[in-house]
């Protein structure tokens, strides 16, 4: 999923959602705040009285309200993986993601992080306009 940044319409911010194929409910949401090197915690991991970050909330709102400037992409499993195995691999990779730094100038950033589990699982990542460093982890 990609959405325009809240402070400028020149760039998009990417996040990754894993949904249950039968119910369509969100299984995992991978949102990375500016400057962070790990994804935000899942809603189920927040304690009483804790709220998700503004990035997490904006990403979820954009995912739940497709259309307009919000872009959604269904990612097919790579050859050799079942849909279930692909989802499990993306979740494992997303849950363990950690970057050594965050940089909007040289990468990686939130766009790189959202694409990381997809690239590492062998999936085809769509070419999303105005998403700097989306391809930071693309295999060479």
C-alpha atoms as a PDB file:
ATOM      1  CA  UNK A   1       0.000   0.000   0.000  1.00  0.00           C
ATOM      2  CA  UNK A   2       1.266   3.471  -0.755  1.00  0.00           C
ATOM      3  CA  UNK A   3      -0.161   6.806   0.284  1.00  0.00           C
ATOM      4  CA  UNK A   4       0.954  10.405  -0.136  1.00  0.00           C
ATOM      5  CA  UNK A   5       3.007  11.751   2.737  1.00  0.00           C
ATOM      6  CA  UNK A   6       0.993  13.990   5.003  1.00  0.00           C
ATOM      7  CA  UNK A   7       3.385  16.921   4.749  1.00  0.00           C
ATOM      8  CA  UNK A   8       3.987  16.816   0.975  1.00  0.00           C
ATOM      9  CA  UNK A   9       2.273  15.363  -2.060  1.00  0.00           C
ATOM     10  CA  UNK A  10       5.597  14.918  -3.875  1.00  0.00           C
ATOM     11  CA  UNK A  11       6.382  11.534  -2.311  1.00  0.00           C
ATOM     12  CA  UNK A  12       4.562   8.365  -1.308  1.00  0.00           C
ATOM     13  CA  UNK A  13       5.014   6.375   1.860  1.00  0.00           C
ATOM     14  CA  UNK A  14       4.738   2.582   1.653  1.00  0.00           C
ATOM     15  CA  UNK A  15       3.581   0.072   4.220  1.00  0.00           C
ATOM     16  CA  UNK A  16       2.826  -3.630   4.016  1.00  0.00           C
ATOM     17  CA  UNK A  17      -0.378  -5.381   5.030  1.00  0.00           C
ATOM     18  CA  UNK A  18      -0.917  -9.126   5.297  1.00  0.00           C
ATOM     19  CA  UNK A  19      -4.570 -10.116   5.236  1.00  0.00           C
ATOM     20  CA  UNK A  20      -6.462 -13.327   5.905  1.00  0.00           C
ATOM     21  CA  UNK A  21      -7.537 -14.671   2.500  1.00  0.00           C
ATOM     22  CA  UNK A  22     -10.893 -15.866   3.806  1.00  0.00           C
ATOM     23  CA  UNK A  23     -11.994 -12.919   5.937  1.00  0.00           C
ATOM     24  CA  UNK A  24      -9.933 -10.083   4.456  1.00  0.00           C
ATOM     25  CA  UNK A  25      -9.011  -9.014   7.998  1.00  0.00           C
ATOM     26  CA  UNK A  26      -5.559  -7.581   8.626  1.00  0.00           C
ATOM     27  CA  UNK A  27      -3.240 -10.250  10.038  1.00  0.00           C
ATOM     28  CA  UNK A  28      -0.162  -8.029  10.211  1.00  0.00           C
ATOM     29  CA  UNK A  29       0.563  -4.390   9.462  1.00  0.00           C
ATOM     30  CA  UNK A  30       4.130  -3.317   8.788  1.00  0.00           C
ATOM     31  CA  UNK A  31       4.469   0.444   9.187  1.00  0.00           C
ATOM     32  CA  UNK A  32       7.753   2.218   9.802  1.00  0.00           C
ATOM     33  CA  UNK A  33       7.890   5.708  11.267  1.00  0.00           C
ATOM     34  CA  UNK A  34      10.394   8.249  10.001  1.00  0.00           C
ATOM     35  CA  UNK A  35      13.729   7.652  11.692  1.00  0.00           C
ATOM     36  CA  UNK A  36      12.818   4.172  12.993  1.00  0.00           C
ATOM     37  CA  UNK A  37      14.724   1.025  12.126  1.00  0.00           C
ATOM     38  CA  UNK A  38      12.044  -1.489  13.195  1.00  0.00           C
ATOM     39  CA  UNK A  39       8.386  -1.698  12.300  1.00  0.00           C
ATOM     40  CA  UNK A  40       5.813  -0.363  14.749  1.00  0.00           C
ATOM     41  CA  UNK A  41       4.366  -2.920  17.128  1.00  0.00           C
ATOM     42  CA  UNK A  42       1.187  -4.694  16.091  1.00  0.00           C
ATOM     43  CA  UNK A  43      -2.082  -3.523  17.656  1.00  0.00           C
ATOM     44  CA  UNK A  44      -2.241  -6.796  19.596  1.00  0.00           C
ATOM     45  CA  UNK A  45       1.134  -5.961  21.182  1.00  0.00           C
ATOM     46  CA  UNK A  46       0.072  -2.596  22.587  1.00  0.00           C
ATOM     47  CA  UNK A  47      -0.694  -2.454  26.278  1.00  0.00           C
ATOM     48  CA  UNK A  48      -3.758  -0.921  27.905  1.00  0.00           C
ATOM     49  CA  UNK A  49      -3.866   2.794  27.242  1.00  0.00           C
ATOM     50  CA  UNK A  50      -1.192   2.625  24.534  1.00  0.00           C
ATOM     51  CA  UNK A  51      -2.021   4.004  21.103  1.00  0.00           C
ATOM     52  CA  UNK A  52      -0.425   3.197  17.771  1.00  0.00           C
ATOM     53  CA  UNK A  53       1.830   5.800  16.167  1.00  0.00           C
ATOM     54  CA  UNK A  54       0.402   8.420  13.830  1.00  0.00           C
ATOM     55  CA  UNK A  55       2.177   6.637  10.943  1.00  0.00           C
ATOM     56  CA  UNK A  56       0.555   3.310  11.846  1.00  0.00           C
ATOM     57  CA  UNK A  57      -2.854   4.987  12.103  1.00  0.00           C
ATOM     58  CA  UNK A  58      -2.491   6.915   8.816  1.00  0.00           C
ATOM     59  CA  UNK A  59      -1.349   3.738   7.028  1.00  0.00           C
ATOM     60  CA  UNK A  60      -4.291   1.732   8.371  1.00  0.00           C
ATOM     61  CA  UNK A  61      -6.746   4.465   7.407  1.00  0.00           C
ATOM     62  CA  UNK A  62      -5.307   4.573   3.886  1.00  0.00           C
ATOM     63  CA  UNK A  63      -5.467   0.775   3.611  1.00  0.00           C
ATOM     64  CA  UNK A  64      -9.066   0.685   4.803  1.00  0.00           C
ATOM     65  CA  UNK A  65     -10.030   3.513   2.434  1.00  0.00           C
ATOM     66  CA  UNK A  66      -8.635   2.580  -0.988  1.00  0.00           C
ATOM     67  CA  UNK A  67      -8.924   4.836  -3.980  1.00  0.00           C
ATOM     68  CA  UNK A  68      -8.004   8.402  -4.668  1.00  0.00           C
ATOM     69  CA  UNK A  69      -4.320   8.870  -3.936  1.00  0.00           C
ATOM     70  CA  UNK A  70      -4.138   5.671  -1.827  1.00  0.00           C
ATOM     71  CA  UNK A  71      -2.639   2.863  -3.882  1.00  0.00           C
ATOM     72  CA  UNK A  72      -3.179  -0.824  -3.129  1.00  0.00           C
ATOM     73  CA  UNK A  73      -1.317  -3.720  -4.716  1.00  0.00           C
ATOM     74  CA  UNK A  74      -2.046  -7.412  -4.418  1.00  0.00           C
ATOM     75  CA  UNK A  75       1.230  -9.333  -4.428  1.00  0.00           C
ATOM     76  CA  UNK A  76       1.197 -12.843  -5.882  1.00  0.00           C
ATOM     77  CA  UNK A  77       3.271 -15.589  -4.281  1.00  0.00           C
ATOM     78  CA  UNK A  78       6.532 -16.274  -6.088  1.00  0.00           C
ATOM     79  CA  UNK A  79       6.825 -19.452  -8.135  1.00  0.00           C
ATOM     80  CA  UNK A  80       7.226 -22.471  -5.906  1.00  0.00           C
ATOM     81  CA  UNK A  81       5.435 -21.039  -2.865  1.00  0.00           C
ATOM     82  CA  UNK A  82       1.820 -21.609  -1.915  1.00  0.00           C
ATOM     83  CA  UNK A  83      -0.189 -18.571  -0.844  1.00  0.00           C
ATOM     84  CA  UNK A  84      -0.104 -19.816   2.754  1.00  0.00           C
ATOM     85  CA  UNK A  85       3.669 -20.395   2.726  1.00  0.00           C
ATOM     86  CA  UNK A  86       4.172 -16.951   1.151  1.00  0.00           C
ATOM     87  CA  UNK A  87       2.101 -15.216   3.843  1.00  0.00           C
ATOM     88  CA  UNK A  88       4.005 -17.086   6.569  1.00  0.00           C
ATOM     89  CA  UNK A  89       7.360 -16.150   5.053  1.00  0.00           C
ATOM     90  CA  UNK A  90       6.386 -12.480   4.692  1.00  0.00           C
ATOM     91  CA  UNK A  91       5.246 -12.424   8.331  1.00  0.00           C
ATOM     92  CA  UNK A  92       8.475 -14.046   9.536  1.00  0.00           C
ATOM     93  CA  UNK A  93      10.583 -11.587   7.530  1.00  0.00           C
ATOM     94  CA  UNK A  94       8.474  -8.587   8.566  1.00  0.00           C
ATOM     95  CA  UNK A  95       8.524  -9.538  12.242  1.00  0.00           C
ATOM     96  CA  UNK A  96      12.318  -9.841  12.208  1.00  0.00           C
ATOM     97  CA  UNK A  97      13.120  -6.736  10.092  1.00  0.00           C
ATOM     98  CA  UNK A  98      15.722  -4.410  11.564  1.00  0.00           C
ATOM     99  CA  UNK A  99      17.805  -1.879   9.658  1.00  0.00           C
ATOM    100  CA  UNK A 100      21.161  -0.508  10.770  1.00  0.00           C
ATOM    101  CA  UNK A 101      20.000   3.040  10.042  1.00  0.00           C
ATOM    102  CA  UNK A 102      17.157   5.093   8.560  1.00  0.00           C
ATOM    103  CA  UNK A 103      17.934   7.600   5.834  1.00  0.00           C
ATOM    104  CA  UNK A 104      15.785   9.501   3.375  1.00  0.00           C
ATOM    105  CA  UNK A 105      18.970  10.508   1.558  1.00  0.00           C
ATOM    106  CA  UNK A 106      20.748   7.176   0.969  1.00  0.00           C
ATOM    107  CA  UNK A 107      18.216   4.609   2.276  1.00  0.00           C
ATOM    108  CA  UNK A 108      16.905   2.454   3.702  1.00  0.00           C
ATOM    109  CA  UNK A 109      13.677   4.132   4.746  1.00  0.00           C
ATOM    110  CA  UNK A 110      10.015   3.185   5.272  1.00  0.00           C
ATOM    111  CA  UNK A 111       9.559   2.315   1.589  1.00  0.00           C
ATOM    112  CA  UNK A 112      12.590   0.004   1.689  1.00  0.00           C
ATOM    113  CA  UNK A 113      11.303  -1.637   4.862  1.00  0.00           C
ATOM    114  CA  UNK A 114       7.847  -2.331   3.380  1.00  0.00           C
ATOM    115  CA  UNK A 115       9.421  -3.991   0.346  1.00  0.00           C
ATOM    116  CA  UNK A 116      12.047  -5.965   2.300  1.00  0.00           C
ATOM    117  CA  UNK A 117       9.873  -9.017   3.165  1.00  0.00           C
ATOM    118  CA  UNK A 118       8.605  -9.156  -0.416  1.00  0.00           C
ATOM    119  CA  UNK A 119      12.047  -9.025  -2.023  1.00  0.00           C
ATOM    120  CA  UNK A 120      13.479 -11.556   0.451  1.00  0.00           C
ATOM    121  CA  UNK A 121      10.608 -13.964  -0.230  1.00  0.00           C
ATOM    122  CA  UNK A 122      11.169 -13.715  -4.000  1.00  0.00           C
ATOM    123  CA  UNK A 123       7.960 -11.837  -4.806  1.00  0.00           C
ATOM    124  CA  UNK A 124       7.580  -9.265  -7.559  1.00  0.00           C
ATOM    125  CA  UNK A 125       7.396  -5.810  -5.999  1.00  0.00           C
ATOM    126  CA  UNK A 126       5.337  -3.360  -8.034  1.00  0.00           C
ATOM    127  CA  UNK A 127       7.009  -0.232  -9.354  1.00  0.00           C
ATOM    128  CA  UNK A 128       5.321   2.478  -7.288  1.00  0.00           C
ATOM    129  CA  UNK A 129       5.962   6.023  -8.374  1.00  0.00           C
ATOM    130  CA  UNK A 130       7.376   8.608  -6.001  1.00  0.00           C
ATOM    131  CA  UNK A 131       8.567   6.071  -3.408  1.00  0.00           C
ATOM    132  CA  UNK A 132      12.263   6.758  -2.841  1.00  0.00           C
ATOM    133  CA  UNK A 133      14.379   3.711  -1.965  1.00  0.00           C
ATOM    134  CA  UNK A 134      11.551   1.234  -2.545  1.00  0.00           C
ATOM    135  CA  UNK A 135      14.079  -0.925  -4.409  1.00  0.00           C
ATOM    136  CA  UNK A 136      16.873  -0.576  -1.828  1.00  0.00           C
ATOM    137  CA  UNK A 137      16.729  -4.317  -1.017  1.00  0.00           C
ATOM    138  CA  UNK A 138      15.993  -5.510  -4.567  1.00  0.00           C
ATOM    139  CA  UNK A 139      18.340  -8.376  -5.429  1.00  0.00           C
ATOM    140  CA  UNK A 140      20.977  -7.293  -7.930  1.00  0.00           C
END
